[in-house]
Amino acid sequence: TAVYYCYARSGNYAPYFGSEYWGQGTQ
């Protein structure tokens, strides 16, 4: 039981360079 969050991480590409992204979560 938890809030589950989707996650993504960009590679070494301009202009992202390892940026991380999160969803809002689903219970």
mmCIF file of all heavy atoms, coordinates in Angstrom:
data_MODEL
# 
_entry.id   MODEL 
# 
loop_
_atom_site.group_PDB 
_atom_site.id 
_atom_site.type_symbol 
_atom_site.label_atom_id 
_atom_site.label_alt_id 
_atom_site.label_comp_id 
_atom_site.label_asym_id 
_atom_site.label_entity_id 
_atom_site.label_seq_id 
_atom_site.pdbx_PDB_ins_code 
_atom_site.Cartn_x 
_atom_site.Cartn_y 
_atom_site.Cartn_z 
_atom_site.occupancy 
_atom_site.B_iso_or_equiv 
_atom_site.pdbx_formal_charge 
_atom_site.auth_seq_id 
_atom_site.auth_comp_id 
_atom_site.auth_asym_id 
_atom_site.auth_atom_id 
_atom_site.pdbx_PDB_model_num 
ATOM 1   N N   . THR A 1 1  ? 0.835  -1.188 0.000   1.00 0.00 ? 1  THR A N   1 
ATOM 2   C CA  . THR A 1 1  ? 0.000  0.000  0.000   1.00 0.00 ? 1  THR A CA  1 
ATOM 3   C C   . THR A 1 1  ? 0.877  1.247  0.000   1.00 0.00 ? 1  THR A C   1 
ATOM 4   O O   . THR A 1 1  ? 1.734  1.419  0.863   1.00 0.00 ? 1  THR A O   1 
ATOM 5   C CB  . THR A 1 1  ? -0.926 0.015  1.221   1.00 0.00 ? 1  THR A CB  1 
ATOM 6   O OG1 . THR A 1 1  ? -1.846 -1.073 1.130   1.00 0.00 ? 1  THR A OG1 1 
ATOM 7   C CG2 . THR A 1 1  ? -1.707 1.319  1.301   1.00 0.00 ? 1  THR A CG2 1 
ATOM 8   N N   . ALA A 1 2  ? 0.675  2.103  -0.976  1.00 0.00 ? 2  ALA A N   1 
ATOM 9   C CA  . ALA A 1 2  ? 1.509  3.285  -1.126  1.00 0.00 ? 2  ALA A CA  1 
ATOM 10  C C   . ALA A 1 2  ? 0.971  4.145  -2.254  1.00 0.00 ? 2  ALA A C   1 
ATOM 11  O O   . ALA A 1 2  ? 0.120  3.712  -3.034  1.00 0.00 ? 2  ALA A O   1 
ATOM 12  C CB  . ALA A 1 2  ? 2.960  2.888  -1.432  1.00 0.00 ? 2  ALA A CB  1 
ATOM 13  N N   . VAL A 1 3  ? 1.492  5.347  -2.318  1.00 0.00 ? 3  VAL A N   1 
ATOM 14  C CA  . VAL A 1 3  ? 1.319  6.158  -3.512  1.00 0.00 ? 3  VAL A CA  1 
ATOM 15  C C   . VAL A 1 3  ? 2.452  5.797  -4.457  1.00 0.00 ? 3  VAL A C   1 
ATOM 16  O O   . VAL A 1 3  ? 3.623  5.845  -4.074  1.00 0.00 ? 3  VAL A O   1 
ATOM 17  C CB  . VAL A 1 3  ? 1.336  7.661  -3.200  1.00 0.00 ? 3  VAL A CB  1 
ATOM 18  C CG1 . VAL A 1 3  ? 1.231  8.473  -4.486  1.00 0.00 ? 3  VAL A CG1 1 
ATOM 19  C CG2 . VAL A 1 3  ? 0.199  8.016  -2.250  1.00 0.00 ? 3  VAL A CG2 1 
ATOM 20  N N   . TYR A 1 4  ? 2.113  5.428  -5.658  1.00 0.00 ? 4  TYR A N   1 
ATOM 21  C CA  . TYR A 1 4  ? 3.098  5.024  -6.648  1.00 0.00 ? 4  TYR A CA  1 
ATOM 22  C C   . TYR A 1 4  ? 3.332  6.160  -7.630  1.00 0.00 ? 4  TYR A C   1 
ATOM 23  O O   . TYR A 1 4  ? 2.390  6.710  -8.199  1.00 0.00 ? 4  TYR A O   1 
ATOM 24  C CB  . TYR A 1 4  ? 2.632  3.768  -7.383  1.00 0.00 ? 4  TYR A CB  1 
ATOM 25  C CG  . TYR A 1 4  ? 2.781  2.517  -6.557  1.00 0.00 ? 4  TYR A CG  1 
ATOM 26  C CD1 . TYR A 1 4  ? 1.936  2.276  -5.478  1.00 0.00 ? 4  TYR A CD1 1 
ATOM 27  C CD2 . TYR A 1 4  ? 3.779  1.585  -6.836  1.00 0.00 ? 4  TYR A CD2 1 
ATOM 28  C CE1 . TYR A 1 4  ? 2.084  1.141  -4.694  1.00 0.00 ? 4  TYR A CE1 1 
ATOM 29  C CE2 . TYR A 1 4  ? 3.928  0.451  -6.064  1.00 0.00 ? 4  TYR A CE2 1 
ATOM 30  C CZ  . TYR A 1 4  ? 3.082  0.232  -4.994  1.00 0.00 ? 4  TYR A CZ  1 
ATOM 31  O OH  . TYR A 1 4  ? 3.233  -0.899 -4.220  1.00 0.00 ? 4  TYR A OH  1 
ATOM 32  N N   . TYR A 1 5  ? 4.600  6.479  -7.829  1.00 0.00 ? 5  TYR A N   1 
ATOM 33  C CA  . TYR A 1 5  ? 4.993  7.597  -8.675  1.00 0.00 ? 5  TYR A CA  1 
ATOM 34  C C   . TYR A 1 5  ? 5.766  7.121  -9.892  1.00 0.00 ? 5  TYR A C   1 
ATOM 35  O O   . TYR A 1 5  ? 6.706  6.335  -9.773  1.00 0.00 ? 5  TYR A O   1 
ATOM 36  C CB  . TYR A 1 5  ? 5.881  8.576  -7.904  1.00 0.00 ? 5  TYR A CB  1 
ATOM 37  C CG  . TYR A 1 5  ? 5.207  9.252  -6.744  1.00 0.00 ? 5  TYR A CG  1 
ATOM 38  C CD1 . TYR A 1 5  ? 5.256  8.700  -5.471  1.00 0.00 ? 5  TYR A CD1 1 
ATOM 39  C CD2 . TYR A 1 5  ? 4.534  10.449 -6.916  1.00 0.00 ? 5  TYR A CD2 1 
ATOM 40  C CE1 . TYR A 1 5  ? 4.645  9.319  -4.400  1.00 0.00 ? 5  TYR A CE1 1 
ATOM 41  C CE2 . TYR A 1 5  ? 3.923  11.083 -5.851  1.00 0.00 ? 5  TYR A CE2 1 
ATOM 42  C CZ  . TYR A 1 5  ? 3.983  10.518 -4.593  1.00 0.00 ? 5  TYR A CZ  1 
ATOM 43  O OH  . TYR A 1 5  ? 3.378  11.144 -3.540  1.00 0.00 ? 5  TYR A OH  1 
ATOM 44  N N   . CYS A 1 6  ? 5.390  7.606  -11.024 1.00 0.00 ? 6  CYS A N   1 
ATOM 45  C CA  . CYS A 1 6  ? 6.158  7.368  -12.235 1.00 0.00 ? 6  CYS A CA  1 
ATOM 46  C C   . CYS A 1 6  ? 7.365  8.298  -12.265 1.00 0.00 ? 6  CYS A C   1 
ATOM 47  O O   . CYS A 1 6  ? 7.299  9.440  -11.781 1.00 0.00 ? 6  CYS A O   1 
ATOM 48  C CB  . CYS A 1 6  ? 5.272  7.596  -13.457 1.00 0.00 ? 6  CYS A CB  1 
ATOM 49  S SG  . CYS A 1 6  ? 6.024  7.133  -15.030 1.00 0.00 ? 6  CYS A SG  1 
ATOM 50  N N   . TYR A 1 7  ? 8.458  7.816  -12.838 1.00 0.00 ? 7  TYR A N   1 
ATOM 51  C CA  . TYR A 1 7  ? 9.725  8.535  -12.828 1.00 0.00 ? 7  TYR A CA  1 
ATOM 52  C C   . TYR A 1 7  ? 10.417 8.395  -14.173 1.00 0.00 ? 7  TYR A C   1 
ATOM 53  O O   . TYR A 1 7  ? 10.342 7.342  -14.818 1.00 0.00 ? 7  TYR A O   1 
ATOM 54  C CB  . TYR A 1 7  ? 10.610 7.959  -11.716 1.00 0.00 ? 7  TYR A CB  1 
ATOM 55  C CG  . TYR A 1 7  ? 12.072 8.332  -11.786 1.00 0.00 ? 7  TYR A CG  1 
ATOM 56  C CD1 . TYR A 1 7  ? 12.544 9.502  -11.211 1.00 0.00 ? 7  TYR A CD1 1 
ATOM 57  C CD2 . TYR A 1 7  ? 12.983 7.489  -12.418 1.00 0.00 ? 7  TYR A CD2 1 
ATOM 58  C CE1 . TYR A 1 7  ? 13.888 9.832  -11.259 1.00 0.00 ? 7  TYR A CE1 1 
ATOM 59  C CE2 . TYR A 1 7  ? 14.332 7.813  -12.470 1.00 0.00 ? 7  TYR A CE2 1 
ATOM 60  C CZ  . TYR A 1 7  ? 14.774 8.986  -11.884 1.00 0.00 ? 7  TYR A CZ  1 
ATOM 61  O OH  . TYR A 1 7  ? 16.106 9.308  -11.930 1.00 0.00 ? 7  TYR A OH  1 
ATOM 62  N N   . ALA A 1 8  ? 11.100 9.437  -14.582 1.00 0.00 ? 8  ALA A N   1 
ATOM 63  C CA  . ALA A 1 8  ? 11.909 9.382  -15.790 1.00 0.00 ? 8  ALA A CA  1 
ATOM 64  C C   . ALA A 1 8  ? 13.154 10.225 -15.605 1.00 0.00 ? 8  ALA A C   1 
ATOM 65  O O   . ALA A 1 8  ? 13.119 11.255 -14.936 1.00 0.00 ? 8  ALA A O   1 
ATOM 66  C CB  . ALA A 1 8  ? 11.119 9.874  -16.999 1.00 0.00 ? 8  ALA A CB  1 
ATOM 67  N N   . ARG A 1 9  ? 14.252 9.777  -16.204 1.00 0.00 ? 9  ARG A N   1 
ATOM 68  C CA  . ARG A 1 9  ? 15.512 10.504 -16.151 1.00 0.00 ? 9  ARG A CA  1 
ATOM 69  C C   . ARG A 1 9  ? 16.068 10.635 -17.558 1.00 0.00 ? 9  ARG A C   1 
ATOM 70  O O   . ARG A 1 9  ? 16.154 9.649  -18.296 1.00 0.00 ? 9  ARG A O   1 
ATOM 71  C CB  . ARG A 1 9  ? 16.521 9.781  -15.251 1.00 0.00 ? 9  ARG A CB  1 
ATOM 72  C CG  . ARG A 1 9  ? 17.841 10.529 -15.099 1.00 0.00 ? 9  ARG A CG  1 
ATOM 73  C CD  . ARG A 1 9  ? 18.822 9.778  -14.201 1.00 0.00 ? 9  ARG A CD  1 
ATOM 74  N NE  . ARG A 1 9  ? 19.288 8.547  -14.813 1.00 0.00 ? 9  ARG A NE  1 
ATOM 75  C CZ  . ARG A 1 9  ? 19.079 7.334  -14.326 1.00 0.00 ? 9  ARG A CZ  1 
ATOM 76  N NH1 . ARG A 1 9  ? 18.396 7.178  -13.195 1.00 0.00 ? 9  ARG A NH1 1 
ATOM 77  N NH2 . ARG A 1 9  ? 19.557 6.272  -14.957 1.00 0.00 ? 9  ARG A NH2 1 
ATOM 78  N N   . SER A 1 10 ? 16.434 11.831 -17.924 1.00 0.00 ? 10 SER A N   1 
ATOM 79  C CA  . SER A 1 10 ? 16.975 12.059 -19.250 1.00 0.00 ? 10 SER A CA  1 
ATOM 80  C C   . SER A 1 10 ? 18.447 11.691 -19.300 1.00 0.00 ? 10 SER A C   1 
ATOM 81  O O   . SER A 1 10 ? 19.156 11.711 -18.288 1.00 0.00 ? 10 SER A O   1 
ATOM 82  C CB  . SER A 1 10 ? 16.785 13.513 -19.678 1.00 0.00 ? 10 SER A CB  1 
ATOM 83  O OG  . SER A 1 10 ? 17.469 14.392 -18.811 1.00 0.00 ? 10 SER A OG  1 
ATOM 84  N N   . GLY A 1 11 ? 18.904 11.369 -20.491 1.00 0.00 ? 11 GLY A N   1 
ATOM 85  C CA  . GLY A 1 11 ? 20.307 11.085 -20.704 1.00 0.00 ? 11 GLY A CA  1 
ATOM 86  C C   . GLY A 1 11 ? 21.103 12.356 -20.880 1.00 0.00 ? 11 GLY A C   1 
ATOM 87  O O   . GLY A 1 11 ? 20.623 13.468 -20.632 1.00 0.00 ? 11 GLY A O   1 
ATOM 88  N N   . ASN A 1 12 ? 22.337 12.187 -21.324 1.00 0.00 ? 12 ASN A N   1 
ATOM 89  C CA  . ASN A 1 12 ? 23.240 13.325 -21.465 1.00 0.00 ? 12 ASN A CA  1 
ATOM 90  C C   . ASN A 1 12 ? 23.015 14.017 -22.807 1.00 0.00 ? 12 ASN A C   1 
ATOM 91  O O   . ASN A 1 12 ? 23.869 14.006 -23.687 1.00 0.00 ? 12 ASN A O   1 
ATOM 92  C CB  . ASN A 1 12 ? 24.686 12.869 -21.323 1.00 0.00 ? 12 ASN A CB  1 
ATOM 93  C CG  . ASN A 1 12 ? 25.659 14.026 -21.185 1.00 0.00 ? 12 ASN A CG  1 
ATOM 94  O OD1 . ASN A 1 12 ? 25.293 15.111 -20.749 1.00 0.00 ? 12 ASN A OD1 1 
ATOM 95  N ND2 . ASN A 1 12 ? 26.908 13.781 -21.553 1.00 0.00 ? 12 ASN A ND2 1 
ATOM 96  N N   . TYR A 1 13 ? 21.849 14.615 -22.935 1.00 0.00 ? 13 TYR A N   1 
ATOM 97  C CA  . TYR A 1 13 ? 21.483 15.339 -24.138 1.00 0.00 ? 13 TYR A CA  1 
ATOM 98  C C   . TYR A 1 13 ? 21.126 16.777 -23.775 1.00 0.00 ? 13 TYR A C   1 
ATOM 99  O O   . TYR A 1 13 ? 20.362 17.012 -22.838 1.00 0.00 ? 13 TYR A O   1 
ATOM 100 C CB  . TYR A 1 13 ? 20.286 14.696 -24.828 1.00 0.00 ? 13 TYR A CB  1 
ATOM 101 C CG  . TYR A 1 13 ? 20.462 13.235 -25.163 1.00 0.00 ? 13 TYR A CG  1 
ATOM 102 C CD1 . TYR A 1 13 ? 19.792 12.250 -24.442 1.00 0.00 ? 13 TYR A CD1 1 
ATOM 103 C CD2 . TYR A 1 13 ? 21.293 12.839 -26.208 1.00 0.00 ? 13 TYR A CD2 1 
ATOM 104 C CE1 . TYR A 1 13 ? 19.950 10.912 -24.754 1.00 0.00 ? 13 TYR A CE1 1 
ATOM 105 C CE2 . TYR A 1 13 ? 21.454 11.500 -26.517 1.00 0.00 ? 13 TYR A CE2 1 
ATOM 106 C CZ  . TYR A 1 13 ? 20.777 10.544 -25.788 1.00 0.00 ? 13 TYR A CZ  1 
ATOM 107 O OH  . TYR A 1 13 ? 20.934 9.210  -26.105 1.00 0.00 ? 13 TYR A OH  1 
ATOM 108 N N   . ALA A 1 14 ? 21.679 17.708 -24.528 1.00 0.00 ? 14 ALA A N   1 
ATOM 109 C CA  . ALA A 1 14 ? 21.288 19.101 -24.338 1.00 0.00 ? 14 ALA A CA  1 
ATOM 110 C C   . ALA A 1 14 ? 19.823 19.270 -24.738 1.00 0.00 ? 14 ALA A C   1 
ATOM 111 O O   . ALA A 1 14 ? 19.380 18.696 -25.736 1.00 0.00 ? 14 ALA A O   1 
ATOM 112 C CB  . ALA A 1 14 ? 22.176 20.011 -25.179 1.00 0.00 ? 14 ALA A CB  1 
ATOM 113 N N   . PRO A 1 15 ? 19.064 20.032 -23.979 1.00 0.00 ? 15 PRO A N   1 
ATOM 114 C CA  . PRO A 1 15 ? 19.429 20.775 -22.766 1.00 0.00 ? 15 PRO A CA  1 
ATOM 115 C C   . PRO A 1 15 ? 19.093 20.046 -21.474 1.00 0.00 ? 15 PRO A C   1 
ATOM 116 O O   . PRO A 1 15 ? 19.004 20.673 -20.419 1.00 0.00 ? 15 PRO A O   1 
ATOM 117 C CB  . PRO A 1 15 ? 18.564 22.024 -22.912 1.00 0.00 ? 15 PRO A CB  1 
ATOM 118 C CG  . PRO A 1 15 ? 17.286 21.496 -23.483 1.00 0.00 ? 15 PRO A CG  1 
ATOM 119 C CD  . PRO A 1 15 ? 17.702 20.373 -24.421 1.00 0.00 ? 15 PRO A CD  1 
ATOM 120 N N   . TYR A 1 16 ? 18.934 18.745 -21.519 1.00 0.00 ? 16 TYR A N   1 
ATOM 121 C CA  . TYR A 1 16 ? 18.372 18.008 -20.394 1.00 0.00 ? 16 TYR A CA  1 
ATOM 122 C C   . TYR A 1 16 ? 19.428 17.572 -19.381 1.00 0.00 ? 16 TYR A C   1 
ATOM 123 O O   . TYR A 1 16 ? 19.288 17.843 -18.186 1.00 0.00 ? 16 TYR A O   1 
ATOM 124 C CB  . TYR A 1 16 ? 17.556 16.819 -20.903 1.00 0.00 ? 16 TYR A CB  1 
ATOM 125 C CG  . TYR A 1 16 ? 16.482 17.266 -21.856 1.00 0.00 ? 16 TYR A CG  1 
ATOM 126 C CD1 . TYR A 1 16 ? 16.596 17.035 -23.219 1.00 0.00 ? 16 TYR A CD1 1 
ATOM 127 C CD2 . TYR A 1 16 ? 15.367 17.958 -21.396 1.00 0.00 ? 16 TYR A CD2 1 
ATOM 128 C CE1 . TYR A 1 16 ? 15.621 17.472 -24.099 1.00 0.00 ? 16 TYR A CE1 1 
ATOM 129 C CE2 . TYR A 1 16 ? 14.399 18.404 -22.264 1.00 0.00 ? 16 TYR A CE2 1 
ATOM 130 C CZ  . TYR A 1 16 ? 14.525 18.157 -23.610 1.00 0.00 ? 16 TYR A CZ  1 
ATOM 131 O OH  . TYR A 1 16 ? 13.557 18.607 -24.483 1.00 0.00 ? 16 TYR A OH  1 
ATOM 132 N N   . PHE A 1 17 ? 20.460 16.873 -19.823 1.00 0.00 ? 17 PHE A N   1 
ATOM 133 C CA  . PHE A 1 17 ? 21.600 16.525 -18.981 1.00 0.00 ? 17 PHE A CA  1 
ATOM 134 C C   . PHE A 1 17 ? 21.195 15.931 -17.642 1.00 0.00 ? 17 PHE A C   1 
ATOM 135 O O   . PHE A 1 17 ? 21.500 16.471 -16.572 1.00 0.00 ? 17 PHE A O   1 
ATOM 136 C CB  . PHE A 1 17 ? 22.495 17.752 -18.775 1.00 0.00 ? 17 PHE A CB  1 
ATOM 137 C CG  . PHE A 1 17 ? 23.105 18.271 -20.035 1.00 0.00 ? 17 PHE A CG  1 
ATOM 138 C CD1 . PHE A 1 17 ? 22.714 19.495 -20.555 1.00 0.00 ? 17 PHE A CD1 1 
ATOM 139 C CD2 . PHE A 1 17 ? 24.064 17.542 -20.710 1.00 0.00 ? 17 PHE A CD2 1 
ATOM 140 C CE1 . PHE A 1 17 ? 23.277 19.980 -21.726 1.00 0.00 ? 17 PHE A CE1 1 
ATOM 141 C CE2 . PHE A 1 17 ? 24.632 18.016 -21.891 1.00 0.00 ? 17 PHE A CE2 1 
ATOM 142 C CZ  . PHE A 1 17 ? 24.240 19.241 -22.396 1.00 0.00 ? 17 PHE A CZ  1 
ATOM 143 N N   . GLY A 1 18 ? 20.510 14.815 -17.704 1.00 0.00 ? 18 GLY A N   1 
ATOM 144 C CA  . GLY A 1 18 ? 20.195 14.100 -16.483 1.00 0.00 ? 18 GLY A CA  1 
ATOM 145 C C   . GLY A 1 18 ? 19.035 14.647 -15.686 1.00 0.00 ? 18 GLY A C   1 
ATOM 146 O O   . GLY A 1 18 ? 18.922 14.366 -14.493 1.00 0.00 ? 18 GLY A O   1 
ATOM 147 N N   . SER A 1 19 ? 18.165 15.406 -16.299 1.00 0.00 ? 19 SER A N   1 
ATOM 148 C CA  . SER A 1 19 ? 16.987 15.918 -15.604 1.00 0.00 ? 19 SER A CA  1 
ATOM 149 C C   . SER A 1 19 ? 16.077 14.777 -15.176 1.00 0.00 ? 19 SER A C   1 
ATOM 150 O O   . SER A 1 19 ? 15.978 13.753 -15.851 1.00 0.00 ? 19 SER A O   1 
ATOM 151 C CB  . SER A 1 19 ? 16.218 16.896 -16.487 1.00 0.00 ? 19 SER A CB  1 
ATOM 152 O OG  . SER A 1 19 ? 17.005 18.035 -16.792 1.00 0.00 ? 19 SER A OG  1 
ATOM 153 N N   . GLU A 1 20 ? 15.421 14.981 -14.056 1.00 0.00 ? 20 GLU A N   1 
ATOM 154 C CA  . GLU A 1 20 ? 14.485 13.999 -13.525 1.00 0.00 ? 20 GLU A CA  1 
ATOM 155 C C   . GLU A 1 20 ? 13.066 14.542 -13.544 1.00 0.00 ? 20 GLU A C   1 
ATOM 156 O O   . GLU A 1 20 ? 12.835 15.732 -13.330 1.00 0.00 ? 20 GLU A O   1 
ATOM 157 C CB  . GLU A 1 20 ? 14.869 13.606 -12.106 1.00 0.00 ? 20 GLU A CB  1 
ATOM 158 C CG  . GLU A 1 20 ? 16.215 12.901 -12.023 1.00 0.00 ? 20 GLU A CG  1 
ATOM 159 C CD  . GLU A 1 20 ? 16.568 12.489 -10.619 1.00 0.00 ? 20 GLU A CD  1 
ATOM 160 O OE1 . GLU A 1 20 ? 16.187 13.220 -9.675  1.00 0.00 ? 20 GLU A OE1 1 
ATOM 161 O OE2 . GLU A 1 20 ? 17.220 11.433 -10.457 1.00 0.00 ? 20 GLU A OE2 1 
ATOM 162 N N   . TYR A 1 21 ? 12.130 13.645 -13.795 1.00 0.00 ? 21 TYR A N   1 
ATOM 163 C CA  . TYR A 1 21 ? 10.727 14.019 -13.897 1.00 0.00 ? 21 TYR A CA  1 
ATOM 164 C C   . TYR A 1 21 ? 9.885  13.066 -13.073 1.00 0.00 ? 21 TYR A C   1 
ATOM 165 O O   . TYR A 1 21 ? 10.180 11.869 -12.988 1.00 0.00 ? 21 TYR A O   1 
ATOM 166 C CB  . TYR A 1 21 ? 10.271 13.985 -15.357 1.00 0.00 ? 21 TYR A CB  1 
ATOM 167 C CG  . TYR A 1 21 ? 11.136 14.804 -16.268 1.00 0.00 ? 21 TYR A CG  1 
ATOM 168 C CD1 . TYR A 1 21 ? 12.199 14.226 -16.949 1.00 0.00 ? 21 TYR A CD1 1 
ATOM 169 C CD2 . TYR A 1 21 ? 10.899 16.165 -16.447 1.00 0.00 ? 21 TYR A CD2 1 
ATOM 170 C CE1 . TYR A 1 21 ? 13.010 14.975 -17.785 1.00 0.00 ? 21 TYR A CE1 1 
ATOM 171 C CE2 . TYR A 1 21 ? 11.701 16.926 -17.282 1.00 0.00 ? 21 TYR A CE2 1 
ATOM 172 C CZ  . TYR A 1 21 ? 12.755 16.325 -17.947 1.00 0.00 ? 21 TYR A CZ  1 
ATOM 173 O OH  . TYR A 1 21 ? 13.552 17.085 -18.770 1.00 0.00 ? 21 TYR A OH  1 
ATOM 174 N N   . TRP A 1 22 ? 8.830  13.588 -12.497 1.00 0.00 ? 22 TRP A N   1 
ATOM 175 C CA  . TRP A 1 22 ? 7.949  12.811 -11.639 1.00 0.00 ? 22 TRP A CA  1 
ATOM 176 C C   . TRP A 1 22 ? 6.497  13.037 -12.004 1.00 0.00 ? 22 TRP A C   1 
ATOM 177 O O   . TRP A 1 22 ? 6.097  14.157 -12.338 1.00 0.00 ? 22 TRP A O   1 
ATOM 178 C CB  . TRP A 1 22 ? 8.131  13.194 -10.169 1.00 0.00 ? 22 TRP A CB  1 
ATOM 179 C CG  . TRP A 1 22 ? 9.474  12.872 -9.620  1.00 0.00 ? 22 TRP A CG  1 
ATOM 180 C CD1 . TRP A 1 22 ? 10.567 13.684 -9.594  1.00 0.00 ? 22 TRP A CD1 1 
ATOM 181 C CD2 . TRP A 1 22 ? 9.871  11.641 -9.013  1.00 0.00 ? 22 TRP A CD2 1 
ATOM 182 N NE1 . TRP A 1 22 ? 11.626 13.041 -8.999  1.00 0.00 ? 22 TRP A NE1 1 
ATOM 183 C CE2 . TRP A 1 22 ? 11.223 11.783 -8.637  1.00 0.00 ? 22 TRP A CE2 1 
ATOM 184 C CE3 . TRP A 1 22 ? 9.213  10.440 -8.738  1.00 0.00 ? 22 TRP A CE3 1 
ATOM 185 C CZ2 . TRP A 1 22 ? 11.921 10.760 -8.000  1.00 0.00 ? 22 TRP A CZ2 1 
ATOM 186 C CZ3 . TRP A 1 22 ? 9.911  9.425  -8.120  1.00 0.00 ? 22 TRP A CZ3 1 
ATOM 187 C CH2 . TRP A 1 22 ? 11.248 9.595  -7.754  1.00 0.00 ? 22 TRP A CH2 1 
ATOM 188 N N   . GLY A 1 23 ? 5.711  11.970 -11.933 1.00 0.00 ? 23 GLY A N   1 
ATOM 189 C CA  . GLY A 1 23 ? 4.277  12.108 -12.023 1.00 0.00 ? 23 GLY A CA  1 
ATOM 190 C C   . GLY A 1 23 ? 3.702  12.536 -10.683 1.00 0.00 ? 23 GLY A C   1 
ATOM 191 O O   . GLY A 1 23 ? 4.411  12.677 -9.694  1.00 0.00 ? 23 GLY A O   1 
ATOM 192 N N   . GLN A 1 24 ? 2.402  12.731 -10.650 1.00 0.00 ? 24 GLN A N   1 
ATOM 193 C CA  . GLN A 1 24 ? 1.740  13.187 -9.432  1.00 0.00 ? 24 GLN A CA  1 
ATOM 194 C C   . GLN A 1 24 ? 1.414  12.061 -8.466  1.00 0.00 ? 24 GLN A C   1 
ATOM 195 O O   . GLN A 1 24 ? 1.106  12.318 -7.308  1.00 0.00 ? 24 GLN A O   1 
ATOM 196 C CB  . GLN A 1 24 ? 0.464  13.953 -9.784  1.00 0.00 ? 24 GLN A CB  1 
ATOM 197 C CG  . GLN A 1 24 ? 0.727  15.271 -10.496 1.00 0.00 ? 24 GLN A CG  1 
ATOM 198 C CD  . GLN A 1 24 ? 1.564  16.214 -9.661  1.00 0.00 ? 24 GLN A CD  1 
ATOM 199 O OE1 . GLN A 1 24 ? 1.209  16.529 -8.522  1.00 0.00 ? 24 GLN A OE1 1 
ATOM 200 N NE2 . GLN A 1 24 ? 2.680  16.676 -10.214 1.00 0.00 ? 24 GLN A NE2 1 
ATOM 201 N N   . GLY A 1 25 ? 1.478  10.830 -8.932  1.00 0.00 ? 25 GLY A N   1 
ATOM 202 C CA  . GLY A 1 25 ? 1.244  9.686  -8.083  1.00 0.00 ? 25 GLY A CA  1 
ATOM 203 C C   . GLY A 1 25 ? -0.157 9.125  -8.208  1.00 0.00 ? 25 GLY A C   1 
ATOM 204 O O   . GLY A 1 25 ? -1.109 9.847  -8.499  1.00 0.00 ? 25 GLY A O   1 
ATOM 205 N N   . THR A 1 26 ? -0.267 7.835  -7.975  1.00 0.00 ? 26 THR A N   1 
ATOM 206 C CA  . THR A 1 26 ? -1.559 7.165  -7.944  1.00 0.00 ? 26 THR A CA  1 
ATOM 207 C C   . THR A 1 26 ? -1.599 6.243  -6.738  1.00 0.00 ? 26 THR A C   1 
ATOM 208 O O   . THR A 1 26 ? -0.627 5.555  -6.428  1.00 0.00 ? 26 THR A O   1 
ATOM 209 C CB  . THR A 1 26 ? -1.819 6.395  -9.262  1.00 0.00 ? 26 THR A CB  1 
ATOM 210 O OG1 . THR A 1 26 ? -3.158 5.880  -9.257  1.00 0.00 ? 26 THR A OG1 1 
ATOM 211 C CG2 . THR A 1 26 ? -0.833 5.255  -9.453  1.00 0.00 ? 26 THR A CG2 1 
ATOM 212 N N   . GLN A 1 27 ? -2.710 6.244  -6.044  1.00 0.00 ? 27 GLN A N   1 
ATOM 213 C CA  . GLN A 1 27 ? -2.836 5.481  -4.808  1.00 0.00 ? 27 GLN A CA  1 
ATOM 214 C C   . GLN A 1 27 ? -3.119 4.012  -5.104  1.00 0.00 ? 27 GLN A C   1 
ATOM 215 O O   . GLN A 1 27 ? -4.011 3.682  -5.887  1.00 0.00 ? 27 GLN A O   1 
ATOM 216 C CB  . GLN A 1 27 ? -3.955 6.052  -3.942  1.00 0.00 ? 27 GLN A CB  1 
ATOM 217 C CG  . GLN A 1 27 ? -4.216 5.280  -2.651  1.00 0.00 ? 27 GLN A CG  1 
ATOM 218 C CD  . GLN A 1 27 ? -3.097 5.425  -1.652  1.00 0.00 ? 27 GLN A CD  1 
ATOM 219 O OE1 . GLN A 1 27 ? -2.626 6.542  -1.414  1.00 0.00 ? 27 GLN A OE1 1 
ATOM 220 N NE2 . GLN A 1 27 ? -2.664 4.317  -1.066  1.00 0.00 ? 27 GLN A NE2 1 
# 
